[in-house]
Amino acid sequence: MAATAAPERTSSACRSAVRLLWDYPDLAKAILAAGMLVSALTVGSPLVLSELKSRVWKKDMSEYSSFVAMATGVVSILFGGLFGRLGDNIDRRVAMSLVGFLNFLPWYSLIAIGVNSTGLYAFNIAVVLGGVTCMTPTGCPMIFTFAYDVMPADERELAFGISYTGVFVCTLLCSLIGAVIANFNPGVPEPVLWYIFGL
């Protein structure tokens, strides 16, 4: 009895998720936008950034990467709340666009300047500035606030579960595509950067 109940519950949950996304297309769009935004972090870091850091910073790679992470964290602590308040007081789509711009800015810097030492320093300055969004590889407050705005009030638990799952699935798929692009262009980071730009 228990063995047949589990697949039925899973099937029912999947149907509920599909129905919710079908009934609320704005939620599906918000999840897709969030997943593509988070993908900018997960695609480029292992495929472009790690190799560039090792080439430029060599044996000091861990130390300098830690400094950048600490500086970004300090910016998040000091200014993340203010940025969140700004996002609550302006149009949510404008706020989401600002989050997107600040988190893609490091990659735009690498495309504009090049995959070299100057590009790496510009990248890291942009990463620190983007700390105001409190973005992590699992998302940021604005992403899920944006999704919250279009969730049905009576199904928020299911909608949040779908949102988190959707972001991770989208990130996984975008990362796999990035890995395929990198595999076909070994040692050439520009195709991956242009792929990130297209996200």
Protein backbone atom coordinates (compact mmCIF):
# COMPACT_ATOMS: atom_id res chain seq x y z
CA MET A 1 0.00 0.00 0.00
CA ALA A 2 2.77 2.43 1.01
CA ALA A 3 4.79 1.50 -2.08
CA THR A 4 1.98 2.60 -4.40
CA ALA A 5 1.11 5.70 -2.35
CA ALA A 6 4.53 7.35 -2.85
CA PRO A 7 4.41 7.39 -6.68
CA GLU A 8 0.83 8.65 -6.54
CA ARG A 9 1.83 11.53 -4.25
CA THR A 10 4.75 12.38 -6.52
CA SER A 11 2.52 12.33 -9.59
CA SER A 12 -0.05 14.50 -7.83
CA ALA A 13 2.63 17.02 -6.78
CA CYS A 14 3.95 17.21 -10.36
CA ARG A 15 0.46 17.80 -11.71
CA SER A 16 -0.12 20.52 -9.12
CA ALA A 17 3.15 22.22 -10.09
CA VAL A 18 2.34 22.13 -13.81
CA ARG A 19 -1.17 23.41 -13.16
CA LEU A 20 0.12 26.29 -11.01
CA LEU A 21 2.64 27.40 -13.66
CA TRP A 22 -0.02 27.08 -16.37
CA ASP A 23 -2.53 29.14 -14.40
CA TYR A 24 0.06 31.77 -13.38
CA PRO A 25 2.38 32.35 -16.36
CA ASP A 26 3.91 35.40 -14.68
CA LEU A 27 5.25 33.09 -11.98
CA ALA A 28 6.81 30.87 -14.66
CA LYS A 29 8.41 33.95 -16.25
CA ALA A 30 9.75 35.14 -12.88
CA ILE A 31 11.28 31.70 -12.21
CA LEU A 32 12.88 31.60 -15.65
CA ALA A 33 14.31 35.12 -15.24
CA ALA A 34 15.68 34.23 -11.81
CA GLY A 35 17.23 31.00 -13.06
CA MET A 36 18.96 32.74 -15.95
CA LEU A 37 20.26 35.44 -13.61
CA VAL A 38 21.72 32.93 -11.16
CA SER A 39 23.19 31.03 -14.14
CA ALA A 40 25.46 33.98 -14.87
CA LEU A 41 27.29 33.14 -11.65
CA THR A 42 27.39 29.39 -12.02
CA VAL A 43 28.34 29.18 -15.71
CA GLY A 44 31.25 31.59 -15.87
CA SER A 45 32.98 30.98 -12.57
CA PRO A 46 34.30 27.46 -13.27
CA LEU A 47 34.57 27.80 -17.06
CA VAL A 48 36.25 31.22 -17.36
CA LEU A 49 37.03 32.85 -14.04
CA SER A 50 38.94 30.06 -12.30
CA GLU A 51 41.39 29.67 -15.18
CA LEU A 52 41.87 33.45 -15.45
CA LYS A 53 42.52 33.80 -11.73
CA SER A 54 45.05 30.98 -11.75
CA ARG A 55 46.83 32.56 -14.71
CA VAL A 56 46.95 36.09 -13.27
CA TRP A 57 47.16 35.52 -9.51
CA LYS A 58 49.02 32.20 -9.65
CA LYS A 59 49.88 30.98 -6.12
CA ASP A 60 47.99 33.90 -4.54
CA MET A 61 44.68 32.91 -6.13
CA SER A 62 43.01 31.71 -2.90
CA GLU A 63 44.18 34.72 -0.90
CA TYR A 64 43.00 37.32 -3.44
CA SER A 65 39.75 35.48 -4.08
CA SER A 66 39.10 35.54 -0.32
CA PHE A 67 39.72 39.30 -0.21
CA VAL A 68 37.18 39.82 -2.99
CA ALA A 69 34.64 37.60 -1.22
CA MET A 70 35.16 39.47 2.07
CA ALA A 71 34.80 42.87 0.40
CA THR A 72 31.62 41.72 -1.35
CA GLY A 73 30.25 40.46 1.98
CA VAL A 74 31.00 43.78 3.69
CA VAL A 75 29.19 45.67 0.91
CA SER A 76 26.22 43.30 1.31
CA ILE A 77 26.12 43.87 5.07
CA LEU A 78 26.46 47.65 4.86
CA PHE A 79 24.28 48.39 1.85
CA GLY A 80 22.13 45.30 1.18
CA GLY A 81 19.31 46.54 3.41
CA LEU A 82 19.28 49.95 1.76
CA PHE A 83 19.20 48.34 -1.67
CA GLY A 84 16.34 46.12 -0.53
CA ARG A 85 14.42 49.18 0.68
CA LEU A 86 15.01 50.84 -2.67
CA GLY A 87 13.67 47.73 -4.41
CA ASP A 88 10.55 47.84 -2.26
CA ASN A 89 9.89 51.49 -3.12
CA ILE A 90 10.29 51.39 -6.89
CA ASP A 91 8.64 49.31 -9.57
CA ARG A 92 9.62 45.68 -9.00
CA ARG A 93 10.57 45.15 -12.65
CA VAL A 94 12.91 48.13 -12.52
CA ALA A 95 14.44 46.75 -9.31
CA MET A 96 14.88 43.31 -10.88
CA SER A 97 16.49 44.90 -13.93
CA LEU A 98 18.91 46.74 -11.66
CA VAL A 99 19.79 43.47 -9.90
CA GLY A 100 20.35 41.84 -13.28
CA PHE A 101 22.55 44.68 -14.52
CA LEU A 102 24.70 44.72 -11.38
CA ASN A 103 25.21 40.96 -11.49
CA PHE A 104 25.97 40.81 -15.20
CA LEU A 105 28.26 43.86 -15.03
CA PRO A 106 31.35 41.79 -14.09
CA TRP A 107 30.87 39.64 -17.21
CA TYR A 108 30.23 42.71 -19.37
CA SER A 109 33.55 44.05 -18.05
CA LEU A 110 35.40 40.93 -19.15
CA ILE A 111 33.80 41.09 -22.59
CA ALA A 112 34.62 44.80 -23.00
CA ILE A 113 38.16 44.74 -21.60
CA GLY A 114 39.21 41.20 -22.41
CA VAL A 115 40.16 38.06 -20.54
CA ASN A 116 43.38 39.47 -19.09
CA SER A 117 44.69 40.94 -15.83
CA THR A 118 42.96 44.31 -16.37
CA GLY A 119 39.70 42.54 -17.14
CA LEU A 120 40.05 40.45 -13.98
CA TYR A 121 40.49 43.52 -11.77
CA ALA A 122 37.54 45.26 -13.46
CA PHE A 123 35.53 42.07 -12.96
CA ASN A 124 36.29 42.00 -9.25
CA ILE A 125 35.48 45.68 -8.74
CA ALA A 126 32.11 45.05 -10.40
CA VAL A 127 31.56 41.96 -8.22
CA VAL A 128 32.15 44.02 -5.07
CA LEU A 129 29.75 46.72 -6.28
CA GLY A 130 27.18 44.01 -7.03
CA GLY A 131 27.39 42.97 -3.39
CA VAL A 132 24.54 45.38 -2.68
CA THR A 133 22.16 42.85 -4.29
CA CYS A 134 23.18 40.11 -1.79
CA MET A 135 23.39 37.65 -4.69
CA THR A 136 24.66 34.14 -4.00
CA PRO A 137 24.74 31.01 -6.20
CA THR A 138 21.31 30.14 -4.76
CA GLY A 139 19.67 33.47 -5.56
CA CYS A 140 19.06 36.79 -3.85
CA PRO A 141 16.20 38.44 -1.93
CA MET A 142 14.93 40.37 -4.96
CA ILE A 143 14.51 37.21 -7.04
CA PHE A 144 12.12 35.59 -4.61
CA THR A 145 10.37 38.86 -3.78
CA PHE A 146 9.75 39.25 -7.50
CA ALA A 147 8.29 35.74 -7.62
CA TYR A 148 6.27 36.37 -4.45
CA ASP A 149 4.48 39.27 -6.13
CA VAL A 150 2.93 36.97 -8.73
CA MET A 151 2.21 33.96 -6.50
CA PRO A 152 -1.38 33.02 -5.63
CA ALA A 153 -1.91 33.80 -1.94
CA ASP A 154 -3.54 30.45 -1.20
CA GLU A 155 -0.73 28.37 -2.74
CA ARG A 156 2.40 30.18 -1.60
CA GLU A 157 4.09 27.14 -0.07
CA LEU A 158 3.80 25.17 -3.31
CA ALA A 159 4.77 28.23 -5.36
CA PHE A 160 7.92 28.85 -3.31
CA GLY A 161 8.89 25.20 -3.63
CA ILE A 162 8.42 25.39 -7.39
CA SER A 163 10.39 28.65 -7.50
CA TYR A 164 13.45 27.22 -5.75
CA THR A 165 13.33 24.02 -7.79
CA GLY A 166 12.81 25.95 -11.04
CA VAL A 167 15.79 28.22 -10.37
CA PHE A 168 18.05 25.23 -9.70
CA VAL A 169 16.85 23.30 -12.76
CA CYS A 170 17.32 26.35 -15.00
CA THR A 171 20.78 26.91 -13.53
CA LEU A 172 21.72 23.27 -14.11
CA LEU A 173 20.57 23.35 -17.75
CA CYS A 174 22.33 26.66 -18.47
CA SER A 175 25.52 25.35 -16.84
CA LEU A 176 25.42 22.18 -18.95
CA ILE A 177 25.03 24.25 -22.13
CA GLY A 178 27.98 26.39 -21.01
CA ALA A 179 30.05 23.26 -20.41
CA VAL A 180 29.23 21.99 -23.92
CA ILE A 181 30.27 25.34 -25.43
CA ALA A 182 33.53 25.27 -23.45
CA ASN A 183 34.15 21.67 -24.54
CA PHE A 184 33.87 22.65 -28.21
CA ASN A 185 36.15 25.67 -27.67
CA PRO A 186 38.92 24.44 -25.35
CA GLY A 187 41.15 27.20 -24.02
CA VAL A 188 39.03 29.93 -25.65
CA PRO A 189 36.87 31.72 -23.05
CA GLU A 190 35.14 34.19 -25.39
CA PRO A 191 32.38 31.81 -26.62
CA VAL A 192 31.35 31.14 -23.00
CA LEU A 193 31.39 34.88 -22.25
CA TRP A 194 29.15 35.61 -25.21
CA TYR A 195 26.85 32.82 -24.07
CA ILE A 196 26.62 34.50 -20.63
CA PHE A 197 25.97 37.79 -22.39
CA GLY A 198 23.09 36.13 -24.23
CA LEU A 199 21.52 34.97 -20.95
